[in-house]
Amino acid sequence: MFEPIEPLDTYNKNINILIGSGASSDLFPTLSLAIKDVKGNRETIETLATKFENFPEQRTALFMHYYNTCIFPAQTFNPSAVTSDEGKANLENYEIFLTTLLGLLDRRKDLNRKINIFTTNYDGCLAHAADSILMKGSHDFVVNDGTSGFHRRHLHSKNFSTFQCQTGIFERSNYGIPQLNIIHLHGSVYWSKNGEKIEVKYRNDFKHLLTKQTISKLKEYSAFLDNKGNKTKDIPKVPFRSMQMDAFWREYDQLPIVNPTKWKFHETVFEEHYYQMLRLLSYELEKPNSILITFGFSFADEHILRLVQRSLSNPYLQTFICCYSDDSATSMREEFKLWKNIKVIGPPDGVKMDFTNFNRYVFSLKAEKYEPPAEDEDEL
């Protein structure tokens, strides 16, 4: 049964959100694949990348598939171009989610009124949703993506410690403006290296790293990975010349994202920021009166998994792990069984905790009570 996270128990605490690819699953593919290994377990980009570590051709084909199906769509994403009902609902769910967070901040009396949203997604859905809410004029708030500057905006971890406030006409009163900190733990498609700094530009005019001929070669390969009846041992090889593979990796290694193989950045400047953001997450979770809520996150990143587990030694930290399926909830309960200040929330049997159900039954200012569908009388 869906268990709601009571807003009255959270609004006056140090709220931290951690979301993963499951939050954008109707807009972009996740790292999960359909094919299975010899034991019947579904493969992921991470597991195959590890298996192909010493096989250059297979590894190159896998990352070309990953770039073509996951990264490039995020680079060229335009909310106004979304036409599918599922995609539109996904964007709407982001807005509902942020509106809930703003509703919690509205209840606070503190001068420093901010919530940290940590995400491992490369996409800009959070920024787009926040911008949409601001354009509607329904809420007055600040979005802090960690950048500072004017014509050129650069990223720095210290910027997440700032907040804005308004004063009265005679400066006799101060009012903290609600603020959402958006913290990309695995990088962002909108980042680029500028000397020893990270520059942020919100654009979608990226050039595809692969030629039309290469994309055509990948079609059969990608279709094979997406077929749940296929096995890892039968993955077809895609013939690439050494020159083609080298050219791809030169461009791919410049992307400002965590590589799914062992979760590493290639660029030192990005990797340094990654560890700064992990320290920020750890620091926030060690504060008294803190809350961590996760959604759409599998804890595949061992750095984050161990960090959260260490942080649970803080008795004043309450953690809620919201799982997509009953199986994943069972897995998370086993992973975190040593800690008492954690609650794993899974869906009822036969139901999935997608973004809609999360917003409706679990994380809402007025959560609805889940009512299982009535059984068909003809089946009784």
Protein backbone atom coordinates (compact mmCIF):
# COMPACT_ATOMS: atom_id res chain seq x y z
CA MET A 1 0.00 0.00 0.00
CA PHE A 2 1.23 3.52 -0.79
CA GLU A 3 2.37 5.27 2.39
CA PRO A 4 2.21 9.07 2.28
CA ILE A 5 5.05 11.26 3.54
CA GLU A 6 3.26 13.63 5.89
CA PRO A 7 3.93 17.27 4.91
CA LEU A 8 3.48 18.50 8.49
CA ASP A 9 6.39 16.26 9.50
CA THR A 10 8.71 17.60 6.79
CA TYR A 11 8.13 21.28 6.00
CA ASN A 12 10.21 22.70 8.88
CA LYS A 13 13.17 20.37 8.33
CA ASN A 14 16.25 20.44 6.12
CA ILE A 15 14.68 18.76 3.07
CA ASN A 16 16.89 16.99 0.53
CA ILE A 17 15.53 15.25 -2.55
CA LEU A 18 17.45 12.69 -4.60
CA ILE A 19 15.96 11.75 -7.97
CA GLY A 20 17.24 9.48 -10.73
CA SER A 21 16.40 8.44 -14.26
CA GLY A 22 13.07 6.94 -13.22
CA ALA A 23 11.68 10.46 -12.88
CA SER A 24 12.20 11.11 -16.61
CA SER A 25 11.45 7.60 -17.88
CA ASP A 26 8.61 8.72 -20.18
CA LEU A 27 10.84 11.30 -21.83
CA PHE A 28 14.24 9.57 -21.99
CA PRO A 29 15.36 5.93 -21.80
CA THR A 30 16.86 4.73 -18.53
CA LEU A 31 20.08 2.73 -18.28
CA SER A 32 18.05 -0.46 -18.05
CA LEU A 33 18.04 -2.79 -21.06
CA ALA A 34 15.59 -5.52 -22.10
CA ILE A 35 18.05 -8.34 -22.76
CA LYS A 36 19.00 -10.80 -20.02
CA ASP A 37 22.15 -12.61 -18.93
CA VAL A 38 22.53 -16.38 -18.54
CA LYS A 39 20.90 -16.22 -15.09
CA GLY A 40 17.85 -14.42 -16.42
CA ASN A 41 18.76 -11.04 -14.91
CA ARG A 42 18.11 -7.94 -17.00
CA GLU A 43 21.20 -6.16 -18.22
CA THR A 44 21.90 -2.44 -17.89
CA ILE A 45 24.31 -0.09 -19.61
CA GLU A 46 26.49 -0.34 -16.48
CA THR A 47 26.63 -4.13 -16.37
CA LEU A 48 27.39 -4.48 -20.08
CA ALA A 49 29.98 -1.70 -19.96
CA THR A 50 31.81 -3.62 -17.25
CA LYS A 51 31.62 -6.90 -19.21
CA PHE A 52 32.90 -5.20 -22.37
CA GLU A 53 35.77 -3.39 -20.66
CA ASN A 54 38.39 -5.40 -22.57
CA PHE A 55 36.46 -5.71 -25.85
CA PRO A 56 36.91 -2.40 -27.74
CA GLU A 57 34.45 -3.05 -30.58
CA GLN A 58 31.61 -4.21 -28.33
CA ARG A 59 32.27 -1.45 -25.81
CA THR A 60 32.28 1.19 -28.56
CA ALA A 61 29.01 -0.08 -30.02
CA LEU A 62 27.40 -0.05 -26.55
CA PHE A 63 28.41 3.54 -25.86
CA MET A 64 27.38 4.66 -29.32
CA HIS A 65 23.96 3.17 -28.55
CA TYR A 66 23.97 4.89 -25.17
CA TYR A 67 24.89 8.25 -26.69
CA ASN A 68 22.36 7.94 -29.53
CA THR A 69 19.40 6.82 -27.39
CA CYS A 70 20.02 8.54 -24.03
CA ILE A 71 22.43 11.46 -24.25
CA PHE A 72 21.67 13.14 -27.58
CA PRO A 73 17.88 13.22 -26.94
CA ALA A 74 18.60 14.99 -23.63
CA GLN A 75 20.92 17.46 -25.38
CA THR A 76 18.32 18.42 -27.96
CA PHE A 77 15.30 18.28 -25.65
CA ASN A 78 12.67 20.96 -26.17
CA PRO A 79 9.57 20.78 -23.90
CA SER A 80 7.38 22.48 -26.51
CA ALA A 81 8.22 19.73 -29.01
CA VAL A 82 6.89 16.92 -26.78
CA THR A 83 3.83 15.43 -28.45
CA SER A 84 3.17 12.10 -26.71
CA ASP A 85 0.65 11.95 -23.89
CA GLU A 86 3.18 10.15 -21.71
CA GLY A 87 5.82 12.81 -22.29
CA LYS A 88 3.42 15.66 -21.57
CA ALA A 89 2.29 13.90 -18.38
CA ASN A 90 5.93 13.48 -17.34
CA LEU A 91 6.58 17.22 -17.72
CA GLU A 92 3.39 18.00 -15.81
CA ASN A 93 4.51 15.67 -13.01
CA TYR A 94 7.76 17.61 -12.70
CA GLU A 95 5.73 20.80 -12.22
CA ILE A 96 3.43 19.15 -9.67
CA PHE A 97 6.48 17.87 -7.80
CA LEU A 98 8.16 21.30 -7.68
CA THR A 99 4.87 22.92 -6.67
CA THR A 100 4.68 20.55 -3.71
CA LEU A 101 8.19 21.58 -2.66
CA LEU A 102 7.26 25.25 -2.95
CA GLY A 103 4.16 24.60 -0.87
CA LEU A 104 6.38 23.18 1.89
CA LEU A 105 8.64 26.25 1.70
CA ASP A 106 5.63 28.56 1.92
CA ARG A 107 4.90 27.13 5.37
CA ARG A 108 8.35 27.95 6.71
CA LYS A 109 9.09 31.01 8.78
CA ASP A 110 12.88 30.82 8.55
CA LEU A 111 14.86 33.42 6.63
CA ASN A 112 16.79 30.67 4.83
CA ARG A 113 14.01 28.87 2.96
CA LYS A 114 15.58 26.41 0.56
CA ILE A 115 15.32 22.79 -0.53
CA ASN A 116 18.13 20.83 -2.15
CA ILE A 117 17.24 18.70 -5.19
CA PHE A 118 20.10 16.32 -6.00
CA THR A 119 19.73 14.57 -9.34
CA THR A 120 21.80 12.08 -11.29
CA ASN A 121 19.98 12.96 -14.52
CA TYR A 122 21.75 14.82 -17.31
CA ASP A 123 18.56 16.37 -18.66
CA GLY A 124 17.12 19.80 -17.93
CA CYS A 125 13.61 18.74 -16.89
CA LEU A 126 13.89 20.32 -13.46
CA ALA A 127 15.05 23.64 -14.91
CA HIS A 128 12.35 23.57 -17.62
CA ALA A 129 9.62 22.78 -15.08
CA ALA A 130 10.80 25.54 -12.73
CA ASP A 131 10.90 28.00 -15.62
CA SER A 132 7.35 27.03 -16.61
CA ILE A 133 6.07 27.68 -13.07
CA LEU A 134 7.83 31.04 -12.96
CA MET A 135 6.32 32.03 -16.31
CA LYS A 136 2.84 31.27 -14.97
CA GLY A 137 3.48 33.66 -12.07
CA SER A 138 1.81 31.38 -9.54
CA HIS A 139 4.83 31.25 -7.22
CA ASP A 140 7.64 33.61 -6.29
CA PHE A 141 10.85 31.65 -5.88
CA VAL A 142 14.48 31.40 -6.92
CA VAL A 143 16.12 28.56 -8.87
CA ASN A 144 19.76 28.16 -7.90
CA ASP A 145 21.76 25.93 -10.27
CA GLY A 146 25.07 26.80 -8.61
CA THR A 147 26.16 29.31 -11.24
CA SER A 148 27.24 32.92 -11.01
CA GLY A 149 28.14 35.46 -13.66
CA PHE A 150 26.33 37.52 -16.27
CA HIS A 151 27.07 36.88 -19.96
CA ARG A 152 29.05 33.77 -19.02
CA ARG A 153 27.82 31.75 -16.07
CA HIS A 154 30.18 29.41 -14.25
CA LEU A 155 29.43 26.65 -11.76
CA HIS A 156 30.84 26.54 -8.23
CA SER A 157 29.77 24.53 -5.21
CA LYS A 158 29.95 27.56 -2.88
CA ASN A 159 27.02 29.13 -4.73
CA PHE A 160 24.64 26.55 -3.28
CA SER A 161 25.22 28.09 0.16
CA THR A 162 23.74 31.44 -0.87
CA PHE A 163 20.14 32.55 -0.66
CA GLN A 164 18.17 35.69 -1.41
CA CYS A 165 15.93 37.75 0.82
CA GLN A 166 13.71 40.78 0.42
CA THR A 167 13.56 43.68 2.83
CA GLY A 168 10.74 46.06 3.65
CA ILE A 169 10.78 49.65 2.43
CA PHE A 170 12.55 50.83 5.58
CA GLU A 171 14.60 47.62 5.89
CA ARG A 172 12.90 46.78 9.19
CA SER A 173 11.89 43.31 8.05
CA ASN A 174 13.46 40.53 6.03
CA TYR A 175 11.70 37.90 3.98
CA GLY A 176 13.54 34.84 2.69
CA ILE A 177 12.60 34.07 -0.92
CA PRO A 178 11.81 30.34 -1.37
CA GLN A 179 14.71 28.70 -3.20
CA LEU A 180 15.21 25.40 -5.01
CA ASN A 181 18.82 24.28 -5.34
CA ILE A 182 19.23 22.02 -8.40
CA ILE A 183 22.40 19.97 -7.99
CA HIS A 184 23.51 17.68 -10.84
CA LEU A 185 25.60 14.91 -9.29
CA HIS A 186 26.42 13.14 -12.58
CA GLY A 187 26.86 16.22 -14.72
CA SER A 188 24.57 17.93 -17.18
CA VAL A 189 24.30 18.17 -20.95
CA TYR A 190 24.36 21.95 -20.48
CA TRP A 191 27.84 21.97 -18.97
CA SER A 192 31.07 22.57 -20.85
CA LYS A 193 34.68 23.02 -19.85
CA ASN A 194 35.95 26.60 -19.96
CA GLY A 195 39.58 26.59 -18.90
CA GLU A 196 39.56 25.25 -15.34
CA LYS A 197 35.91 26.17 -14.83
CA ILE A 198 32.55 24.67 -15.75
CA GLU A 199 30.40 26.93 -17.92
CA VAL A 200 26.64 26.42 -18.04
CA LYS A 201 24.58 27.28 -21.12
CA TYR A 202 20.96 26.21 -21.51
CA ARG A 203 20.77 25.41 -25.20
CA ASN A 204 19.70 22.51 -27.41
CA ASP A 205 21.63 23.07 -30.64
CA PHE A 206 24.11 20.24 -30.11
CA LYS A 207 25.76 18.49 -33.04
CA HIS A 208 25.34 14.69 -33.24
CA LEU A 209 28.64 12.87 -32.69
CA LEU A 210 27.63 10.01 -35.00
CA THR A 211 27.27 10.07 -38.77
CA LYS A 212 24.08 8.91 -40.49
CA GLN A 213 25.93 5.80 -41.70
CA THR A 214 26.99 4.92 -38.15
CA ILE A 215 23.47 5.46 -36.80
CA SER A 216 22.15 3.18 -39.54
CA LYS A 217 24.64 0.50 -38.51
CA LEU A 218 23.45 0.75 -34.90
CA LYS A 219 19.74 0.21 -35.64
CA GLU A 220 19.87 -3.58 -35.56
CA TYR A 221 22.17 -3.52 -32.54
CA SER A 222 19.89 -1.20 -30.55
CA ALA A 223 16.83 -3.24 -31.51
CA PHE A 224 18.54 -6.37 -30.18
CA LEU A 225 19.25 -4.73 -26.81
CA ASP A 226 15.61 -3.66 -26.60
CA ASN A 227 14.19 -7.16 -27.09
CA LYS A 228 13.46 -8.92 -23.80
CA GLY A 229 13.68 -12.33 -25.48
CA ASN A 230 17.38 -11.89 -26.35
CA LYS A 231 20.43 -13.02 -24.37
CA THR A 232 23.72 -11.26 -23.62
CA LYS A 233 25.79 -14.00 -25.25
CA ASP A 234 24.05 -13.40 -28.59
CA ILE A 235 24.66 -9.64 -28.85
CA PRO A 236 25.67 -8.96 -32.47
CA LYS A 237 28.96 -7.30 -33.30
CA VAL A 238 28.97 -4.03 -35.19
CA PRO A 239 31.96 -3.71 -37.53
CA PHE A 240 33.86 -0.47 -36.92
CA ARG A 241 37.27 0.59 -38.16
CA SER A 242 39.81 1.68 -35.56
CA MET A 243 39.73 5.20 -37.00
CA GLN A 244 35.94 5.39 -36.47
CA MET A 245 36.17 4.16 -32.88
CA ASP A 246 39.01 6.56 -32.03
CA ALA A 247 37.11 9.51 -33.50
CA PHE A 248 34.02 8.65 -31.45
CA TRP A 249 35.90 8.31 -28.17
CA ARG A 250 37.74 11.60 -28.68
CA GLU A 251 34.39 13.40 -28.86
CA TYR A 252 32.55 11.27 -26.30
CA ASP A 253 35.23 11.71 -23.63
CA GLN A 254 34.65 15.47 -23.75
CA LEU A 255 31.03 15.12 -22.59
CA PRO A 256 30.48 16.61 -19.11
CA ILE A 257 28.75 13.54 -17.67
CA VAL A 258 29.62 10.59 -15.48
CA ASN A 259 30.59 7.61 -17.56
CA PRO A 260 28.46 4.58 -16.55
CA THR A 261 31.62 2.45 -16.39
CA LYS A 262 32.65 2.69 -12.73
CA TRP A 263 30.83 6.06 -12.55
CA LYS A 264 33.79 8.24 -13.48
CA PHE A 265 34.23 11.55 -15.26
CA HIS A 266 36.96 11.76 -17.89
CA GLU A 267 37.75 15.43 -17.29
CA THR A 268 39.46 16.35 -14.00
CA VAL A 269 37.53 19.61 -13.65
CA PHE A 270 34.21 17.71 -13.81
CA GLU A 271 35.44 14.98 -11.50
CA GLU A 272 36.51 17.52 -8.88
CA HIS A 273 33.05 19.08 -8.97
CA TYR A 274 31.50 15.61 -8.67
CA TYR A 275 33.30 14.98 -5.39
CA GLN A 276 32.47 18.48 -4.17
CA MET A 277 28.81 17.72 -4.76
CA LEU A 278 29.10 14.40 -2.94
CA ARG A 279 30.59 16.28 0.01
CA LEU A 280 27.71 18.75 -0.16
CA LEU A 281 25.21 15.88 -0.08
CA SER A 282 27.03 14.34 2.87
CA TYR A 283 27.16 17.68 4.68
CA GLU A 284 23.43 18.28 4.21
CA LEU A 285 22.53 14.79 5.46
CA GLU A 286 24.67 15.22 8.56
CA LYS A 287 22.79 18.33 9.63
CA PRO A 288 20.33 17.95 12.51
CA ASN A 289 16.65 17.78 11.64
CA SER A 290 17.30 16.56 8.07
CA ILE A 291 15.18 14.55 5.66
CA LEU A 292 16.17 12.68 2.50
CA ILE A 293 13.52 11.59 -0.01
CA THR A 294 14.57 9.50 -3.00
CA PHE A 295 12.51 8.75 -6.11
CA GLY A 296 13.39 7.08 -9.40
CA PHE A 297 16.85 6.31 -8.04
CA SER A 298 18.30 2.79 -7.99
CA PHE A 299 21.44 3.47 -5.91
CA ALA A 300 23.57 2.00 -8.72
CA ASP A 301 26.21 4.66 -7.93
CA GLU A 302 28.14 3.02 -5.10
CA HIS A 303 29.62 6.37 -4.03
CA ILE A 304 26.13 7.70 -3.32
CA LEU A 305 24.94 4.41 -1.79
CA ARG A 306 27.79 4.28 0.72
CA LEU A 307 27.51 8.00 1.43
CA VAL A 308 23.82 7.69 2.31
CA GLN A 309 24.48 4.63 4.44
CA ARG A 310 27.22 6.45 6.36
CA SER A 311 24.95 9.45 6.81
CA LEU A 312 22.29 7.26 8.44
CA SER A 313 24.49 7.19 11.53
CA ASN A 314 23.01 10.66 12.10
CA PRO A 315 20.03 9.80 14.34
CA TYR A 316 18.32 13.05 13.35
CA LEU A 317 18.23 12.10 9.65
CA GLN A 318 15.02 10.52 8.38
CA THR A 319 15.20 8.87 4.98
CA PHE A 320 12.35 7.81 2.70
CA ILE A 321 13.25 5.58 -0.27
CA CYS A 322 10.39 5.45 -2.78
CA CYS A 323 10.60 2.42 -5.07
CA TYR A 324 9.08 1.82 -8.49
CA SER A 325 8.14 -1.81 -7.88
CA ASP A 326 7.56 -4.22 -5.04
CA ASP A 327 10.71 -6.14 -6.07
CA SER A 328 12.89 -3.03 -5.87
CA ALA A 329 11.35 -2.18 -2.49
CA THR A 330 12.30 -5.65 -1.22
CA SER A 331 15.84 -5.16 -2.53
CA MET A 332 16.18 -1.75 -0.85
CA ARG A 333 14.88 -3.07 2.47
CA GLU A 334 17.62 -5.69 2.37
CA GLU A 335 20.27 -3.12 1.39
CA PHE A 336 19.33 -0.79 4.26
CA LYS A 337 18.23 -3.35 6.86
CA LEU A 338 20.84 -2.24 9.42
CA TRP A 339 19.35 1.22 9.89
CA LYS A 340 16.19 2.16 11.78
CA ASN A 341 15.82 5.77 10.62
CA ILE A 342 14.82 4.75 7.12
CA LYS A 343 11.50 3.89 5.53
CA VAL A 344 11.25 2.10 2.21
CA ILE A 345 7.98 2.89 0.45
CA GLY A 346 6.85 0.52 -2.27
CA PRO A 347 3.66 0.26 -4.32
CA PRO A 348 0.79 -2.19 -3.74
CA ASP A 349 0.88 -5.55 -5.53
CA GLY A 350 0.39 -5.23 -9.25
CA VAL A 351 0.93 -1.45 -9.25
CA LYS A 352 4.00 0.62 -10.09
CA MET A 353 5.10 3.79 -8.37
CA ASP A 354 5.49 5.99 -11.41
CA PHE A 355 5.78 9.77 -11.15
CA THR A 356 1.99 10.19 -11.21
CA ASN A 357 1.41 7.79 -8.31
CA PHE A 358 4.33 9.29 -6.39
CA ASN A 359 2.81 12.77 -6.67
CA ARG A 360 -0.71 11.59 -5.97
CA TYR A 361 -0.35 9.08 -3.13
CA VAL A 362 3.09 9.56 -1.55
CA PHE A 363 4.52 13.07 -1.82
CA SER A 364 1.79 15.69 -1.80
CA LEU A 365 0.46 18.44 0.44
CA LYS A 366 -2.84 16.54 0.35
CA ALA A 367 -2.04 12.95 -0.54
CA GLU A 368 -4.93 10.89 -1.85
CA LYS A 369 -5.78 7.51 -0.38
CA TYR A 370 -5.12 4.71 -2.83
CA GLU A 371 -8.17 2.67 -3.70
CA PRO A 372 -7.47 -0.59 -5.53
CA PRO A 373 -9.58 -1.02 -8.67
CA ALA A 374 -12.79 -2.97 -8.16
CA GLU A 375 -12.74 -6.52 -9.43
CA ASP A 376 -14.78 -7.24 -12.52
CA GLU A 377 -17.97 -9.00 -11.46
CA ASP A 378 -17.75 -11.26 -14.52
CA GLU A 379 -14.45 -12.62 -13.16
CA LEU A 380 -15.91 -13.52 -9.76
